[in-house]
Amino acid sequence: MPPKADNPSPMLVFDRALHARRRARAAARFADHDFLVRRVAEEFADRLAAVNRDFPLALDLGSHGTAFQDMNLAPGKIGRVVSTDLAPAMLAKGRGLRVAADEERLPFRDRSFDLVASLLSLHWVNDLPGALVQIRRALVPDGLFLGALFGGETLTELRQSLGEAEIELDGGLSPRISPFADLRDMGALMQRAGFALPVVDTDRVTVRYDNALKLMAELRGMGETNALIERRRTPLRRATLLRAADIYREKFGLADGRVPATFEIVTVTGWAPHESQQKPLRPGSATSRLADALGTSENPAGEKTPPRDRGIS
């Protein structure tokens, strides 16, 4: 039985069944649109190469074909890999042990994996805090989690252009682009989920397209199109779509006639707690004074430091 998440009633933002169908539709030609996943896999390979240990059993959570398994690592660095995906059709593009599973309900026992890696899938999870807790529980003590998901600045140009076009031509605004977590959110969520030594950083990638319509086709090929529950059920009108493309070019167009698209990739790293890990010092436990290290005098609390003249040259 899957472990229970801390939040039993998450707010539903995404239609997970629709997202699964979108991923299944994209599976056949996903290799033509997987450049961001491959970029993340290269980054993960660099990080894992710097860790002085091996990982006998790893979980590829939210698999994108073989991107994770194709990482250029020393032999034996990663042993067996279990791949999961919401869409069985996407799993069919992989190899090895594969399990159709939802990131929101992991079907694994606690302390099963030495490494859990997720390459650009967790931004579609409704209960991200609960999913992170399940990931931490699935790790053996001192097991490593590496995750990458789209951050808050992703597709900001498309978001603005679609919004302006809908307001101008349709008299209202409907949600078209997913809400994404930012750097600060992810740091807090990693701590809340119980990870030790969490690290969060971001990589902003700018991709250039001939026009906004080509960008939208790419998103479809990635399986990253709108699956918001509150989305407008009627298709976007052609006139609105073309107006959005015009606004996109007017506001963001480049000198060569193409348009940029921002993808912000937030990467999180954390360890399942273990007694061998470094721990922060207790307040008041320091054995030397900061003033001594800086070569300055120390004033008791409450005393003001005498003013000094400032030389200006």
Protein backbone atom coordinates (compact mmCIF):
# COMPACT_ATOMS: atom_id res chain seq x y z
CA MET A 1 0.00 0.00 0.00
CA PRO A 2 1.48 3.41 -0.96
CA PRO A 3 2.58 5.63 1.93
CA LYS A 4 0.14 8.33 2.85
CA ALA A 5 0.98 11.93 2.00
CA ASP A 6 0.98 14.54 4.74
CA ASN A 7 -1.76 16.50 3.00
CA PRO A 8 -4.80 14.20 2.53
CA SER A 9 -6.86 16.77 0.58
CA PRO A 10 -4.61 18.70 -1.82
CA MET A 11 -6.03 21.46 -3.96
CA LEU A 12 -6.61 20.03 -7.43
CA VAL A 13 -4.96 22.23 -10.06
CA PHE A 14 -4.22 19.71 -12.80
CA ASP A 15 -6.34 17.15 -14.63
CA ARG A 16 -3.97 14.22 -14.21
CA ALA A 17 -5.97 11.93 -16.51
CA LEU A 18 -5.79 14.52 -19.29
CA HIS A 19 -2.08 15.02 -18.67
CA ALA A 20 -1.55 11.25 -18.98
CA ARG A 21 -3.33 11.30 -22.35
CA ARG A 22 -1.20 14.23 -23.50
CA ARG A 23 1.97 12.34 -22.54
CA ALA A 24 0.73 9.22 -24.31
CA ARG A 25 0.05 11.26 -27.45
CA ALA A 26 3.55 12.77 -27.32
CA ALA A 27 5.31 9.45 -26.73
CA ALA A 28 5.64 8.36 -30.37
CA ARG A 29 7.77 11.36 -31.38
CA PHE A 30 9.03 12.55 -28.03
CA ALA A 31 12.66 12.01 -29.09
CA ASP A 32 12.20 14.92 -31.51
CA HIS A 33 11.39 17.26 -28.61
CA ASP A 34 13.43 15.97 -25.67
CA PHE A 35 16.27 18.53 -25.70
CA LEU A 36 15.37 19.98 -22.30
CA VAL A 37 15.13 16.54 -20.70
CA ARG A 38 18.51 15.64 -22.18
CA ARG A 39 19.96 18.89 -20.84
CA VAL A 40 18.70 18.03 -17.35
CA ALA A 41 20.11 14.50 -17.67
CA GLU A 42 23.55 15.96 -18.46
CA GLU A 43 23.31 18.19 -15.40
CA PHE A 44 22.30 15.22 -13.23
CA ALA A 45 25.25 13.21 -14.58
CA ASP A 46 27.66 15.98 -13.55
CA ARG A 47 26.18 16.11 -10.05
CA LEU A 48 26.23 12.36 -9.58
CA ALA A 49 29.81 12.12 -10.82
CA ALA A 50 30.82 14.48 -8.01
CA VAL A 51 29.22 12.25 -5.34
CA ASN A 52 31.70 9.74 -3.96
CA ARG A 53 29.40 6.74 -3.78
CA ASP A 54 27.46 4.30 -5.94
CA PHE A 55 23.70 3.78 -6.16
CA PRO A 56 22.77 0.09 -6.50
CA LEU A 57 19.04 0.73 -7.07
CA ALA A 58 17.64 3.91 -8.61
CA LEU A 59 14.14 5.16 -9.43
CA ASP A 60 13.57 7.20 -12.60
CA LEU A 61 10.37 8.98 -11.55
CA GLY A 62 8.28 10.33 -14.41
CA SER A 63 10.38 8.69 -17.10
CA HIS A 64 11.09 10.31 -20.45
CA GLY A 65 12.23 7.36 -22.50
CA THR A 66 15.89 6.53 -21.82
CA ALA A 67 17.26 10.00 -20.96
CA PHE A 68 18.11 9.02 -17.39
CA GLN A 69 19.57 5.63 -18.31
CA ASP A 70 21.69 7.15 -21.10
CA MET A 71 23.62 9.42 -18.72
CA ASN A 72 27.37 9.30 -19.18
CA LEU A 73 28.50 7.88 -15.83
CA ALA A 74 31.29 5.57 -14.72
CA PRO A 75 30.37 1.86 -14.91
CA GLY A 76 28.72 0.73 -11.70
CA LYS A 77 27.83 4.23 -10.53
CA ILE A 78 24.16 3.33 -10.92
CA GLY A 79 23.05 -0.29 -10.75
CA ARG A 80 19.50 -1.32 -11.58
CA VAL A 81 16.99 1.32 -12.63
CA VAL A 82 13.22 1.18 -12.13
CA SER A 83 11.38 3.59 -14.44
CA THR A 84 7.87 4.91 -13.79
CA ASP A 85 5.51 7.09 -15.76
CA LEU A 86 1.89 8.16 -15.66
CA ALA A 87 1.53 7.12 -19.32
CA PRO A 88 2.37 3.49 -20.26
CA ALA A 89 3.02 4.62 -23.85
CA MET A 90 5.91 6.79 -22.63
CA LEU A 91 7.28 3.87 -20.59
CA ALA A 92 7.23 1.72 -23.71
CA LYS A 93 10.00 3.93 -25.12
CA GLY A 94 12.31 2.98 -22.25
CA ARG A 95 14.06 -0.22 -21.27
CA GLY A 96 14.61 -2.37 -18.21
CA LEU A 97 12.27 -2.48 -15.22
CA ARG A 98 9.22 -0.30 -15.84
CA VAL A 99 6.13 0.41 -13.73
CA ALA A 100 3.12 2.52 -14.73
CA ALA A 101 2.67 4.69 -11.63
CA ASP A 102 1.46 8.09 -10.51
CA GLU A 103 3.96 10.42 -8.81
CA GLU A 104 1.19 11.28 -6.36
CA ARG A 105 0.81 7.63 -5.20
CA LEU A 106 4.09 5.78 -5.31
CA PRO A 107 3.63 1.98 -5.17
CA PHE A 108 6.94 1.31 -3.41
CA ARG A 109 7.85 0.34 0.14
CA ASP A 110 9.71 2.72 2.40
CA ARG A 111 13.51 2.59 2.16
CA SER A 112 13.57 0.94 -1.26
CA PHE A 113 15.91 3.09 -3.36
CA ASP A 114 19.42 4.49 -3.07
CA LEU A 115 18.62 7.23 -5.59
CA VAL A 116 15.41 8.84 -6.84
CA ALA A 117 15.67 11.10 -9.90
CA SER A 118 12.86 13.05 -11.53
CA LEU A 119 13.51 14.85 -14.81
CA LEU A 120 10.88 17.52 -15.54
CA SER A 121 7.71 15.80 -14.38
CA LEU A 122 6.91 17.00 -10.84
CA HIS A 123 5.55 20.38 -11.98
CA TRP A 124 2.38 18.51 -13.01
CA VAL A 125 1.74 17.11 -9.52
CA ASN A 126 -1.24 18.44 -7.57
CA ASP A 127 0.15 17.56 -4.14
CA LEU A 128 3.82 18.43 -4.49
CA PRO A 129 4.49 18.46 -0.71
CA GLY A 130 2.95 15.00 -0.42
CA ALA A 131 4.90 13.70 -3.42
CA LEU A 132 8.17 14.94 -1.90
CA VAL A 133 7.36 13.20 1.38
CA GLN A 134 6.72 9.93 -0.48
CA ILE A 135 10.01 10.31 -2.36
CA ARG A 136 11.90 10.86 0.90
CA ARG A 137 10.26 7.78 2.43
CA ALA A 138 11.13 5.67 -0.62
CA LEU A 139 14.82 6.41 -0.10
CA VAL A 140 17.11 4.38 2.12
CA PRO A 141 18.74 6.40 4.92
CA ASP A 142 21.34 8.66 3.30
CA GLY A 143 19.72 8.05 -0.09
CA LEU A 144 19.79 10.89 -2.63
CA PHE A 145 16.96 12.71 -4.39
CA LEU A 146 17.63 14.72 -7.55
CA GLY A 147 14.67 16.53 -9.07
CA ALA A 148 14.17 19.08 -11.82
CA LEU A 149 10.93 20.88 -12.61
CA PHE A 150 9.88 23.99 -14.46
CA GLY A 151 10.01 27.18 -12.38
CA GLY A 152 8.01 30.39 -12.19
CA GLU A 153 9.49 32.24 -15.19
CA THR A 154 8.81 29.38 -17.60
CA LEU A 155 6.90 30.50 -20.72
CA THR A 156 6.39 34.00 -19.31
CA GLU A 157 6.32 35.44 -22.84
CA LEU A 158 3.60 33.04 -23.98
CA ARG A 159 1.58 33.60 -20.81
CA GLN A 160 1.54 37.38 -21.35
CA SER A 161 0.78 37.16 -25.07
CA LEU A 162 -2.13 34.73 -24.72
CA GLY A 163 -3.57 36.77 -21.85
CA GLU A 164 -3.49 40.04 -23.78
CA ALA A 165 -5.02 38.45 -26.88
CA GLU A 166 -7.90 36.88 -24.94
CA ILE A 167 -8.69 40.10 -23.11
CA GLU A 168 -8.59 42.07 -26.36
CA LEU A 169 -10.68 39.72 -28.53
CA ASP A 170 -12.65 37.51 -26.14
CA GLY A 171 -13.38 39.94 -23.34
CA GLY A 172 -11.89 37.75 -20.63
CA LEU A 173 -8.94 35.74 -19.46
CA SER A 174 -8.70 31.95 -19.04
CA PRO A 175 -5.80 29.97 -17.53
CA ARG A 176 -3.57 28.70 -20.32
CA ILE A 177 -0.14 28.27 -18.72
CA SER A 178 0.47 26.22 -15.57
CA PRO A 179 1.49 27.87 -12.30
CA PHE A 180 5.09 26.94 -11.49
CA ALA A 181 6.94 26.82 -8.17
CA ASP A 182 9.78 29.28 -7.60
CA LEU A 183 13.17 28.87 -5.97
CA ARG A 184 12.03 29.96 -2.51
CA ASP A 185 8.95 27.71 -2.60
CA MET A 186 11.02 24.64 -3.43
CA GLY A 187 13.53 25.28 -0.66
CA ALA A 188 10.73 25.46 1.89
CA LEU A 189 9.00 22.36 0.48
CA MET A 190 12.21 20.31 0.62
CA GLN A 191 12.67 21.20 4.28
CA ARG A 192 9.01 20.52 5.02
CA ALA A 193 9.29 17.08 3.41
CA GLY A 194 12.11 16.17 5.79
CA PHE A 195 15.10 16.14 3.43
CA ALA A 196 18.52 16.70 4.94
CA LEU A 197 21.04 19.12 3.42
CA PRO A 198 18.61 20.44 0.76
CA VAL A 199 20.01 22.52 -2.09
CA VAL A 200 17.93 24.39 -4.67
CA ASP A 201 19.20 26.23 -7.73
CA THR A 202 17.89 27.39 -11.06
CA ASP A 203 18.93 27.41 -14.71
CA ARG A 204 17.24 29.74 -17.17
CA VAL A 205 17.21 28.48 -20.75
CA THR A 206 16.16 30.67 -23.69
CA VAL A 207 15.04 28.85 -26.82
CA ARG A 208 14.41 30.67 -30.11
CA TYR A 209 11.55 29.79 -32.44
CA ASP A 210 10.42 31.06 -35.83
CA ASN A 211 7.15 32.17 -34.25
CA ALA A 212 4.83 31.50 -31.32
CA LEU A 213 2.95 28.82 -33.26
CA LYS A 214 6.15 26.79 -33.61
CA LEU A 215 6.65 27.08 -29.84
CA MET A 216 3.14 25.78 -29.21
CA ALA A 217 3.77 22.84 -31.54
CA GLU A 218 6.95 22.08 -29.57
CA LEU A 219 5.01 22.09 -26.30
CA ARG A 220 2.55 19.65 -27.80
CA GLY A 221 5.43 17.39 -28.83
CA MET A 222 6.80 17.56 -25.29
CA GLY A 223 3.44 16.59 -23.77
CA GLU A 224 3.45 19.93 -21.93
CA THR A 225 0.18 21.46 -23.13
CA ASN A 226 -2.60 22.83 -20.93
CA ALA A 227 -4.07 20.34 -18.44
CA LEU A 228 -5.41 22.81 -15.88
CA ILE A 229 -8.73 21.84 -14.34
CA GLU A 230 -9.98 25.43 -14.62
CA ARG A 231 -9.06 25.68 -18.31
CA ARG A 232 -11.65 26.91 -20.79
CA ARG A 233 -13.20 23.84 -22.38
CA THR A 234 -13.71 25.41 -25.81
CA PRO A 235 -10.70 25.51 -28.15
CA LEU A 236 -8.79 28.75 -28.53
CA ARG A 237 -10.29 30.66 -31.48
CA ARG A 238 -8.05 30.98 -34.53
CA ALA A 239 -8.31 34.77 -34.46
CA THR A 240 -7.22 34.84 -30.82
CA LEU A 241 -4.36 32.45 -31.50
CA LEU A 242 -3.06 34.54 -34.40
CA ARG A 243 -3.41 37.73 -32.37
CA ALA A 244 -1.41 36.13 -29.55
CA ALA A 245 1.32 35.28 -32.06
CA ASP A 246 1.36 38.89 -33.26
CA ILE A 247 1.57 40.24 -29.70
CA TYR A 248 4.35 37.77 -28.93
CA ARG A 249 6.40 39.06 -31.87
CA GLU A 250 5.63 42.72 -31.12
CA LYS A 251 6.64 42.49 -27.46
CA PHE A 252 9.44 39.93 -27.52
CA GLY A 253 10.58 39.56 -31.14
CA LEU A 254 14.32 39.39 -31.82
CA ALA A 255 16.31 41.24 -34.46
CA ASP A 256 16.47 38.13 -36.67
CA GLY A 257 12.66 37.83 -36.73
CA ARG A 258 12.46 34.92 -34.34
CA VAL A 259 10.94 34.91 -30.84
CA PRO A 260 12.44 33.73 -27.53
CA ALA A 261 10.84 31.32 -25.07
CA THR A 262 12.04 31.14 -21.48
CA PHE A 263 12.28 27.83 -19.65
CA GLU A 264 13.33 28.15 -16.01
CA ILE A 265 14.53 24.81 -14.65
CA VAL A 266 14.59 24.51 -10.86
CA THR A 267 16.82 21.70 -9.59
CA VAL A 268 16.51 20.31 -6.07
CA THR A 269 18.90 18.02 -4.23
CA GLY A 270 18.28 16.43 -0.86
CA TRP A 271 19.23 13.40 1.21
CA ALA A 272 17.14 11.06 3.31
CA PRO A 273 18.24 11.76 6.89
CA HIS A 274 21.02 9.63 8.41
CA GLU A 275 23.03 9.97 11.61
CA SER A 276 26.31 10.19 9.68
CA GLN A 277 25.32 13.43 7.94
CA GLN A 278 26.63 16.83 8.94
CA LYS A 279 24.38 18.72 11.33
CA PRO A 280 24.26 22.45 12.09
CA LEU A 281 25.97 23.56 15.30
CA ARG A 282 23.80 24.37 18.30
CA PRO A 283 23.52 28.09 19.10
CA GLY A 284 26.28 29.07 21.53
CA SER A 285 28.45 26.04 20.76
CA ALA A 286 31.18 27.93 18.87
CA THR A 287 34.70 27.46 20.23
CA SER A 288 36.21 30.67 18.78
CA ARG A 289 35.06 34.27 18.47
CA LEU A 290 34.17 35.93 15.17
CA ALA A 291 35.91 39.10 16.35
CA ASP A 292 39.20 37.19 16.72
CA ALA A 293 38.90 35.82 13.20
CA LEU A 294 38.25 39.30 11.80
CA GLY A 295 40.95 40.97 13.90
CA THR A 296 38.55 43.49 15.46
CA SER A 297 37.42 44.35 18.96
CA GLU A 298 34.16 43.02 20.36
CA ASN A 299 31.61 45.20 22.16
CA PRO A 300 29.13 43.79 24.68
CA ALA A 301 25.52 43.60 23.52
CA GLY A 302 23.81 46.98 23.69
CA GLU A 303 26.97 49.09 23.29
CA LYS A 304 27.36 51.15 20.17
CA THR A 305 30.57 51.09 18.17
CA PRO A 306 32.25 54.54 18.22
CA PRO A 307 31.86 56.36 14.91
CA ARG A 308 34.85 56.49 12.55
CA ASP A 309 35.70 59.03 9.88
CA ARG A 310 35.13 57.90 6.31
CA GLY A 311 37.83 58.83 3.84
CA ILE A 312 36.63 59.90 0.41
CA SER A 313 39.10 60.09 -2.44
